[in-house]
Each structure stands twice: as C-alpha cells, then as structure tokens.
Amino acid sequence: MNLAVIGRRDMILGFSLAGVKITYQVRDQKEADAAFTICIQDSTVGIILIDAGIANYLSSQMADVRKSHRLYPIILTIPGSAAPVRPVD
C-alpha cells in the first residue's frame, strides 16, 4: 500500500523530501477534487494525507467515502501552514 499526500506546496515538498512518491500540489477546489478522485480510484493507495486547509474543499467527498464503509484508503487530515497546530490536552 502506498501513501498519497494532497496539499499546498510547502507540505508536498516536505513529504517528497521524506520519500513519499505520490503527491499532489493543489491550489484550489478544482485541483483538490481532481487529486482526491485520482487517489480514491488508485487501488494501490492505502492512506491519503490531506492538508487541513485543502480538506475544507473536500468535506462532502470525504464524507461520501466514509459512508461507503470502505476500509481503504484511510483518509487523514493534518495541519498545514494555513491551519494552526492545536496543543494536546
């Protein structure tokens, strides 16, 4: 299973430097939709990491995947440069 990352340039660069091969740099709703669709249709992708700011564009698509009760891909949002990191209680 592969890891895919969808996000802004700075996040994509960091994951690319860490060795992640499947990355999608997105700037708007249209690019986010296209990248998410590609990741969902790719049977080799087991985990999708999405920049929290970009995840706002994809909320309905992410909900549809979760409702389908598919085990894979696992979809996680992570804080990016546009979203502050919250402290752990």
C-alpha atoms as a PDB file:
ATOM      1  CA  MET A   1       0.000   0.000   0.000  1.00  0.00           C
ATOM      2  CA  ASN A   2       1.167   3.494  -0.838  1.00  0.00           C
ATOM      3  CA  LEU A   3       0.840   6.807   0.926  1.00  0.00           C
ATOM      4  CA  ALA A   4      -0.546   9.771  -1.018  1.00  0.00           C
ATOM      5  CA  VAL A   5      -0.396  13.413   0.074  1.00  0.00           C
ATOM      6  CA  ILE A   6      -2.670  16.217  -1.103  1.00  0.00           C
ATOM      7  CA  GLY A   7      -1.747  19.732  -0.056  1.00  0.00           C
ATOM      8  CA  ARG A   8      -0.084  23.030  -0.626  1.00  0.00           C
ATOM      9  CA  ARG A   9       3.445  23.404  -1.972  1.00  0.00           C
ATOM     10  CA  ASP A  10       5.294  23.535   1.351  1.00  0.00           C
ATOM     11  CA  MET A  11       3.626  20.404   2.691  1.00  0.00           C
ATOM     12  CA  ILE A  12       4.154  18.488  -0.543  1.00  0.00           C
ATOM     13  CA  LEU A  13       7.815  19.454  -0.605  1.00  0.00           C
ATOM     14  CA  GLY A  14       8.371  18.147   2.909  1.00  0.00           C
ATOM     15  CA  PHE A  15       6.750  14.788   2.214  1.00  0.00           C
ATOM     16  CA  SER A  16       8.566  14.475  -1.118  1.00  0.00           C
ATOM     17  CA  LEU A  17      11.886  15.013   0.646  1.00  0.00           C
ATOM     18  CA  ALA A  18      10.876  12.291   3.120  1.00  0.00           C
ATOM     19  CA  GLY A  19      10.434   9.840   0.231  1.00  0.00           C
ATOM     20  CA  VAL A  20       6.700   9.953  -0.455  1.00  0.00           C
ATOM     21  CA  LYS A  21       6.255   9.357  -4.179  1.00  0.00           C
ATOM     22  CA  ILE A  22       2.537  10.125  -4.652  1.00  0.00           C
ATOM     23  CA  THR A  23       1.965  13.822  -4.002  1.00  0.00           C
ATOM     24  CA  TYR A  24      -0.488  16.330  -5.408  1.00  0.00           C
ATOM     25  CA  GLN A  25       0.111  20.049  -5.077  1.00  0.00           C
ATOM     26  CA  VAL A  26      -3.244  21.819  -5.160  1.00  0.00           C
ATOM     27  CA  ARG A  27      -4.220  25.467  -5.043  1.00  0.00           C
ATOM     28  CA  ASP A  28      -7.992  25.472  -5.488  1.00  0.00           C
ATOM     29  CA  GLN A  29     -11.219  23.458  -5.386  1.00  0.00           C
ATOM     30  CA  LYS A  30     -10.868  22.080  -8.910  1.00  0.00           C
ATOM     31  CA  GLU A  31      -7.334  20.766  -8.352  1.00  0.00           C
ATOM     32  CA  ALA A  32      -8.314  19.337  -4.952  1.00  0.00           C
ATOM     33  CA  ASP A  33     -11.279  17.467  -6.454  1.00  0.00           C
ATOM     34  CA  ALA A  34      -9.132  16.031  -9.248  1.00  0.00           C
ATOM     35  CA  ALA A  35      -6.343  14.888  -6.907  1.00  0.00           C
ATOM     36  CA  PHE A  36      -8.792  13.308  -4.449  1.00  0.00           C
ATOM     37  CA  THR A  37     -10.605  11.442  -7.228  1.00  0.00           C
ATOM     38  CA  ILE A  38      -7.316  10.061  -8.559  1.00  0.00           C
ATOM     39  CA  CYS A  39      -6.300   8.894  -5.080  1.00  0.00           C
ATOM     40  CA  ILE A  40      -9.649   7.233  -4.364  1.00  0.00           C
ATOM     41  CA  GLN A  41      -9.559   5.368  -7.685  1.00  0.00           C
ATOM     42  CA  ASP A  42      -5.961   4.181  -7.250  1.00  0.00           C
ATOM     43  CA  SER A  43      -6.147   0.731  -5.635  1.00  0.00           C
ATOM     44  CA  THR A  44      -2.503   0.968  -4.515  1.00  0.00           C
ATOM     45  CA  VAL A  45      -3.187   3.974  -2.237  1.00  0.00           C
ATOM     46  CA  GLY A  46      -3.879   2.865   1.345  1.00  0.00           C
ATOM     47  CA  ILE A  47      -3.535   6.179   3.173  1.00  0.00           C
ATOM     48  CA  ILE A  48      -4.330   9.701   1.981  1.00  0.00           C
ATOM     49  CA  LEU A  49      -2.970  12.633   3.987  1.00  0.00           C
ATOM     50  CA  ILE A  50      -4.736  15.903   3.249  1.00  0.00           C
ATOM     51  CA  ASP A  51      -3.716  19.412   4.312  1.00  0.00           C
ATOM     52  CA  ALA A  52      -6.430  20.695   6.695  1.00  0.00           C
ATOM     53  CA  GLY A  53      -6.935  23.807   4.576  1.00  0.00           C
ATOM     54  CA  ILE A  54      -7.454  21.708   1.454  1.00  0.00           C
ATOM     55  CA  ALA A  55      -9.720  19.282   3.338  1.00  0.00           C
ATOM     56  CA  ASN A  56     -12.272  22.099   3.591  1.00  0.00           C
ATOM     57  CA  TYR A  57     -12.695  21.854  -0.182  1.00  0.00           C
ATOM     58  CA  LEU A  58     -13.224  18.093   0.045  1.00  0.00           C
ATOM     59  CA  SER A  59     -15.579  17.709   3.001  1.00  0.00           C
ATOM     60  CA  SER A  60     -18.506  16.258   1.028  1.00  0.00           C
ATOM     61  CA  GLN A  61     -16.311  13.860  -0.969  1.00  0.00           C
ATOM     62  CA  MET A  62     -14.573  12.679   2.207  1.00  0.00           C
ATOM     63  CA  ALA A  63     -17.953  12.109   3.872  1.00  0.00           C
ATOM     64  CA  ASP A  64     -19.118  10.034   0.891  1.00  0.00           C
ATOM     65  CA  VAL A  65     -16.050   7.784   1.135  1.00  0.00           C
ATOM     66  CA  ARG A  66     -16.540   7.350   4.877  1.00  0.00           C
ATOM     67  CA  LYS A  67     -20.225   6.479   4.382  1.00  0.00           C
ATOM     68  CA  SER A  68     -19.285   3.782   1.881  1.00  0.00           C
ATOM     69  CA  HIS A  69     -17.628   1.842   4.752  1.00  0.00           C
ATOM     70  CA  ARG A  70     -14.552   1.089   2.671  1.00  0.00           C
ATOM     71  CA  LEU A  71     -11.558   0.014   4.708  1.00  0.00           C
ATOM     72  CA  TYR A  72      -9.121   1.669   2.325  1.00  0.00           C
ATOM     73  CA  PRO A  73      -7.973   4.280   1.730  1.00  0.00           C
ATOM     74  CA  ILE A  74      -7.672   5.694   5.214  1.00  0.00           C
ATOM     75  CA  ILE A  75      -8.166   9.460   4.949  1.00  0.00           C
ATOM     76  CA  LEU A  76      -6.440  11.714   7.471  1.00  0.00           C
ATOM     77  CA  THR A  77      -6.276  15.489   7.661  1.00  0.00           C
ATOM     78  CA  ILE A  78      -3.110  17.031   9.005  1.00  0.00           C
ATOM     79  CA  PRO A  79      -2.400  20.639   9.904  1.00  0.00           C
ATOM     80  CA  GLY A  80      -0.655  22.585   7.200  1.00  0.00           C
ATOM     81  CA  SER A  81       0.751  26.071   7.054  1.00  0.00           C
ATOM     82  CA  ALA A  82      -2.760  27.549   6.905  1.00  0.00           C
ATOM     83  CA  ALA A  83      -4.040  25.653   9.964  1.00  0.00           C
ATOM     84  CA  PRO A  84      -2.662  26.162  13.458  1.00  0.00           C
ATOM     85  CA  VAL A  85      -1.460  23.162  15.428  1.00  0.00           C
ATOM     86  CA  ARG A  86      -3.620  22.537  18.484  1.00  0.00           C
ATOM     87  CA  PRO A  87      -1.988  21.542  21.746  1.00  0.00           C
ATOM     88  CA  VAL A  88      -2.702  18.056  23.065  1.00  0.00           C
ATOM     89  CA  ASP A  89      -4.592  18.007  26.354  1.00  0.00           C
END
